[in-house]
């Protein structure tokens, strides 16, 4: 277990990045430049702390007693798919220890998806947009790599939790929310769906890094608007995706 990864940070008792109590490992590196990204400090690859699989497994095992039936390990980022060799070896080691593995990703990496997903119990999938034009506008990238990853997730029948950030004037129209619901309805193994309201928590990081914030002046999503969009979403979502609950 000598493969190394560039690690941004580690959260030892995470409660929001997958089921149960989890150790969440945030890796460096992301090729997307999403206009609402709140972690620009994770963009660069060769920064943070370089750690081996063995070092991280040692940390994970220390908290194994807290995982119980539902918890486990989540690898997030950045986008962990940019460090595929590490991800394969680390998840394989987790499975050998009987630890549930979750991959938090936007689905934009360097391939090796089939092998990665062999050791992945759950994909927390950040869907940026469901059409090429909107996707490119939001991420500054083409949609093909995301669709390639999603296709492999479907081929291997890996469970999915969907996340989607709703941003005022960017992707908060009724039609975009309806299109998202229809897109999700066509996927299999979706166990949970969550709309997330846009916030400005990351603005401070942009200032610290001397990077222009793309959504300067855009306010957090209005709560009433968010409730309204959730109602529309619920009306068009196949409620067989049992993790989704109507808000409001």
Protein backbone atom coordinates (compact mmCIF):
# COMPACT_ATOMS: atom_id res chain seq x y z
CA UNK A 1 0.00 0.00 0.00
CA UNK A 2 2.64 2.48 -1.13
CA UNK A 3 0.48 4.51 -3.52
CA UNK A 4 0.25 8.12 -2.39
CA UNK A 5 -2.41 10.80 -2.71
CA UNK A 6 -2.45 14.54 -2.34
CA UNK A 7 -4.84 15.12 0.56
CA UNK A 8 -6.50 18.46 1.28
CA UNK A 9 -8.08 17.55 4.63
CA UNK A 10 -9.73 14.78 6.64
CA UNK A 11 -13.02 14.91 8.55
CA UNK A 12 -13.17 12.10 11.06
CA UNK A 13 -16.84 12.20 12.10
CA UNK A 14 -18.70 13.31 8.98
CA UNK A 15 -22.49 13.16 8.96
CA UNK A 16 -23.52 14.61 5.58
CA UNK A 17 -21.33 12.84 2.99
CA UNK A 18 -23.06 9.49 2.85
CA UNK A 19 -24.99 7.29 5.27
CA UNK A 20 -24.10 7.02 8.94
CA UNK A 21 -20.96 8.33 10.59
CA UNK A 22 -18.08 8.56 8.13
CA UNK A 23 -14.45 9.42 7.75
CA UNK A 24 -14.33 11.86 4.84
CA UNK A 25 -11.06 12.29 2.96
CA UNK A 26 -10.88 15.36 0.75
CA UNK A 27 -8.36 15.00 -2.08
CA UNK A 28 -6.66 17.73 -4.08
CA UNK A 29 -7.32 18.27 -7.76
CA UNK A 30 -10.26 19.30 -9.92
CA UNK A 31 -10.42 20.01 -13.66
CA UNK A 32 -13.81 21.72 -13.51
CA UNK A 33 -14.17 25.41 -12.74
CA UNK A 34 -17.75 25.57 -11.58
CA UNK A 35 -19.02 29.10 -11.22
CA UNK A 36 -20.40 28.36 -7.73
CA UNK A 37 -17.45 26.29 -6.43
CA UNK A 38 -16.80 26.99 -2.75
CA UNK A 39 -13.50 25.08 -2.54
CA UNK A 40 -11.05 26.72 -4.98
CA UNK A 41 -8.27 25.68 -2.62
CA UNK A 42 -8.76 22.09 -3.85
CA UNK A 43 -8.21 22.84 -7.56
CA UNK A 44 -4.45 22.30 -7.70
CA UNK A 45 -3.24 18.72 -7.58
CA UNK A 46 0.24 18.75 -6.06
CA UNK A 47 -0.56 20.67 -2.90
CA UNK A 48 -1.82 19.73 0.54
CA UNK A 49 -0.31 16.71 2.32
CA UNK A 50 1.01 13.67 0.49
CA UNK A 51 -0.17 10.49 2.24
CA UNK A 52 0.07 6.77 1.52
CA UNK A 53 -2.81 4.31 1.45
CA UNK A 54 -1.36 2.65 4.55
CA UNK A 55 -1.34 5.95 6.46
CA UNK A 56 -4.95 6.65 5.60
CA UNK A 57 -6.17 3.13 6.33
CA UNK A 58 -4.61 3.46 9.78
CA UNK A 59 -6.68 6.60 10.39
CA UNK A 60 -9.84 4.99 9.02
CA UNK A 61 -9.50 1.89 11.22
CA UNK A 62 -9.15 4.10 14.28
CA UNK A 63 -12.75 5.28 13.79
CA UNK A 64 -14.20 1.99 12.55
CA UNK A 65 -16.06 1.43 15.82
CA UNK A 66 -18.25 4.46 15.03
CA UNK A 67 -19.30 3.31 11.55
CA UNK A 68 -21.58 0.48 12.77
CA UNK A 69 -24.03 -0.75 10.09
CA UNK A 70 -24.42 2.35 7.92
CA UNK A 71 -21.21 4.35 8.23
CA UNK A 72 -17.87 4.08 6.50
CA UNK A 73 -15.44 6.05 4.37
CA UNK A 74 -16.15 8.76 1.81
CA UNK A 75 -13.50 10.08 -0.56
CA UNK A 76 -14.31 13.57 -1.80
CA UNK A 77 -12.43 16.52 -3.26
CA UNK A 78 -11.73 18.36 -5.45
CA UNK A 79 -12.58 15.33 -7.50
CA UNK A 80 -11.03 12.04 -6.36
CA UNK A 81 -11.30 10.62 -9.89
CA UNK A 82 -8.16 12.62 -10.72
CA UNK A 83 -6.16 10.28 -8.49
CA UNK A 84 -7.43 6.90 -9.79
CA UNK A 85 -4.51 4.67 -8.78
CA UNK A 86 -4.78 5.79 -5.19
CA UNK A 87 -8.57 5.49 -5.21
CA UNK A 88 -8.45 1.90 -6.44
CA UNK A 89 -5.85 0.79 -3.90
CA UNK A 90 -7.45 2.67 -1.01
CA UNK A 91 -11.00 1.46 -1.66
CA UNK A 92 -9.71 -2.09 -2.14
CA UNK A 93 -8.02 -1.88 1.26
CA UNK A 94 -11.23 -0.53 2.82
CA UNK A 95 -13.23 -3.44 1.42
CA UNK A 96 -10.68 -5.88 2.85
CA UNK A 97 -11.42 -4.32 6.25
CA UNK A 98 -15.18 -4.64 5.70
CA UNK A 99 -15.65 -0.86 5.47
CA UNK A 100 -18.38 0.74 3.33
CA UNK A 101 -16.98 3.00 0.59
CA UNK A 102 -18.54 6.10 -0.93
CA UNK A 103 -17.19 8.20 -3.79
CA UNK A 104 -18.18 11.88 -3.82
CA UNK A 105 -17.62 13.10 -7.37
CA UNK A 106 -18.76 15.22 -10.28
CA UNK A 107 -17.76 12.34 -12.56
CA UNK A 108 -14.90 14.13 -14.30
CA UNK A 109 -11.67 12.17 -14.13
CA UNK A 110 -8.95 10.28 -15.95
CA UNK A 111 -10.73 6.98 -16.54
CA UNK A 112 -10.11 3.60 -14.86
CA UNK A 113 -13.74 3.90 -13.79
CA UNK A 114 -14.54 0.20 -14.12
CA UNK A 115 -11.86 -0.81 -11.62
CA UNK A 116 -12.63 2.06 -9.24
CA UNK A 117 -16.31 1.15 -9.15
CA UNK A 118 -15.57 -2.49 -8.38
CA UNK A 119 -14.65 -1.34 -4.88
CA UNK A 120 -17.26 1.44 -4.56
CA UNK A 121 -20.48 0.83 -2.64
CA UNK A 122 -22.05 4.24 -3.24
CA UNK A 123 -21.53 7.15 -5.62
CA UNK A 124 -22.49 10.61 -4.36
CA UNK A 125 -23.02 12.15 -7.77
CA UNK A 126 -22.90 15.92 -8.19
CA UNK A 127 -24.98 16.62 -11.29
CA UNK A 128 -23.99 20.06 -12.56
CA UNK A 129 -26.47 20.21 -15.44
CA UNK A 130 -28.33 17.84 -17.75
CA UNK A 131 -27.67 19.46 -21.13
CA UNK A 132 -24.41 20.26 -22.86
CA UNK A 133 -24.85 24.02 -23.08
CA UNK A 134 -25.70 24.54 -19.42
CA UNK A 135 -23.00 22.11 -18.31
CA UNK A 136 -20.31 23.95 -20.23
CA UNK A 137 -21.57 27.33 -18.98
CA UNK A 138 -21.41 26.19 -15.35
CA UNK A 139 -18.23 24.08 -15.39
CA UNK A 140 -16.14 25.47 -18.29
CA UNK A 141 -15.86 21.90 -19.60
CA UNK A 142 -17.63 19.54 -21.96
CA UNK A 143 -20.13 16.98 -20.69
CA UNK A 144 -18.64 13.89 -22.33
CA UNK A 145 -16.42 12.80 -19.43
CA UNK A 146 -19.31 13.06 -16.98
CA UNK A 147 -21.51 10.94 -19.24
CA UNK A 148 -18.71 8.39 -19.65
CA UNK A 149 -18.43 8.00 -15.90
CA UNK A 150 -22.21 7.88 -15.39
CA UNK A 151 -22.49 5.16 -18.05
CA UNK A 152 -20.00 2.98 -16.16
CA UNK A 153 -21.82 3.58 -12.87
CA UNK A 154 -25.00 2.35 -14.53
CA UNK A 155 -23.23 -0.62 -16.13
CA UNK A 156 -21.96 -1.78 -12.75
CA UNK A 157 -25.23 -1.18 -10.86
CA UNK A 158 -23.61 0.97 -8.18
CA UNK A 159 -26.01 2.81 -5.86
CA UNK A 160 -26.29 6.57 -6.39
CA UNK A 161 -27.12 9.55 -4.23
CA UNK A 162 -27.76 12.58 -6.45
CA UNK A 163 -26.86 16.11 -5.42
CA UNK A 164 -27.60 19.26 -7.41
CA UNK A 165 -26.83 22.86 -6.46
CA UNK A 166 -29.54 25.40 -7.40
CA UNK A 167 -28.19 28.88 -8.16
CA UNK A 168 -30.30 32.03 -8.72
CA UNK A 169 -30.37 33.14 -12.36
CA UNK A 170 -28.03 30.31 -13.32
CA UNK A 171 -30.10 27.11 -13.14
CA UNK A 172 -33.18 27.92 -11.05
CA UNK A 173 -35.82 28.05 -13.77
CA UNK A 174 -38.82 25.76 -13.47
CA UNK A 175 -37.94 24.03 -16.74
CA UNK A 176 -34.38 23.27 -15.63
CA UNK A 177 -35.68 21.69 -12.43
CA UNK A 178 -38.20 19.63 -14.40
CA UNK A 179 -35.49 18.51 -16.86
CA UNK A 180 -33.30 17.46 -13.95
CA UNK A 181 -36.10 15.33 -12.50
CA UNK A 182 -36.67 13.63 -15.85
CA UNK A 183 -32.93 12.99 -16.23
CA UNK A 184 -32.82 11.32 -12.81
CA UNK A 185 -35.95 9.30 -13.58
CA UNK A 186 -34.05 7.61 -16.40
CA UNK A 187 -31.28 6.44 -14.05
CA UNK A 188 -31.33 3.19 -12.10
CA UNK A 189 -30.17 2.55 -8.53
CA UNK A 190 -30.84 6.12 -7.38
CA UNK A 191 -31.35 5.81 -3.64
CA UNK A 192 -31.40 9.45 -2.58
CA UNK A 193 -31.85 12.84 -4.27
CA UNK A 194 -31.06 16.24 -2.80
CA UNK A 195 -31.37 19.78 -4.11
CA UNK A 196 -28.88 22.11 -2.43
CA UNK A 197 -29.42 25.89 -2.24
CA UNK A 198 -26.56 28.09 -3.43
CA UNK A 199 -24.60 29.83 -0.67
CA UNK A 200 -21.69 32.26 -0.58
CA UNK A 201 -19.57 30.54 2.09
CA UNK A 202 -16.63 30.16 -0.28
CA UNK A 203 -16.25 33.84 -1.25
CA UNK A 204 -13.64 34.41 1.45
CA UNK A 205 -11.40 31.70 -0.03
CA UNK A 206 -11.40 33.42 -3.43
CA UNK A 207 -10.24 36.64 -1.81
CA UNK A 208 -7.51 34.82 0.10
CA UNK A 209 -6.31 33.16 -3.12
CA UNK A 210 -6.64 36.39 -5.11
CA UNK A 211 -9.07 34.76 -7.56
CA UNK A 212 -12.03 36.64 -9.03
CA UNK A 213 -15.30 35.16 -7.74
CA UNK A 214 -17.45 34.23 -10.80
CA UNK A 215 -20.80 34.95 -9.14
CA UNK A 216 -19.95 38.25 -7.54
CA UNK A 217 -23.16 39.92 -6.37
CA UNK A 218 -25.33 36.80 -6.62
CA UNK A 219 -27.19 36.36 -3.34
CA UNK A 220 -27.96 33.02 -1.67
CA UNK A 221 -31.06 31.30 -2.99
CA UNK A 222 -34.22 32.68 -1.41
CA UNK A 223 -35.80 30.17 0.97
CA UNK A 224 -39.31 30.56 -0.46
CA UNK A 225 -37.96 30.08 -3.97
CA UNK A 226 -36.12 26.96 -2.85
CA UNK A 227 -39.28 25.49 -1.30
CA UNK A 228 -41.22 26.28 -4.48
CA UNK A 229 -38.63 24.59 -6.72
CA UNK A 230 -38.57 21.54 -4.46
CA UNK A 231 -42.32 21.19 -4.89
CA UNK A 232 -41.98 21.30 -8.66
CA UNK A 233 -39.11 18.83 -8.48
CA UNK A 234 -41.15 16.42 -6.36
CA UNK A 235 -44.08 16.64 -8.79
CA UNK A 236 -41.88 15.38 -11.64
CA UNK A 237 -39.52 13.03 -9.83
CA UNK A 238 -40.22 9.33 -9.73
CA UNK A 239 -40.80 8.92 -6.00
CA UNK A 240 -39.39 5.43 -6.24
CA UNK A 241 -36.20 7.34 -5.44
CA UNK A 242 -37.13 6.90 -1.81
CA UNK A 243 -34.50 9.15 -0.30
CA UNK A 244 -36.15 12.28 -1.67
CA UNK A 245 -38.56 14.14 0.53
CA UNK A 246 -40.67 17.06 -0.56
CA UNK A 247 -39.70 20.29 1.21
CA UNK A 248 -42.52 22.54 2.35
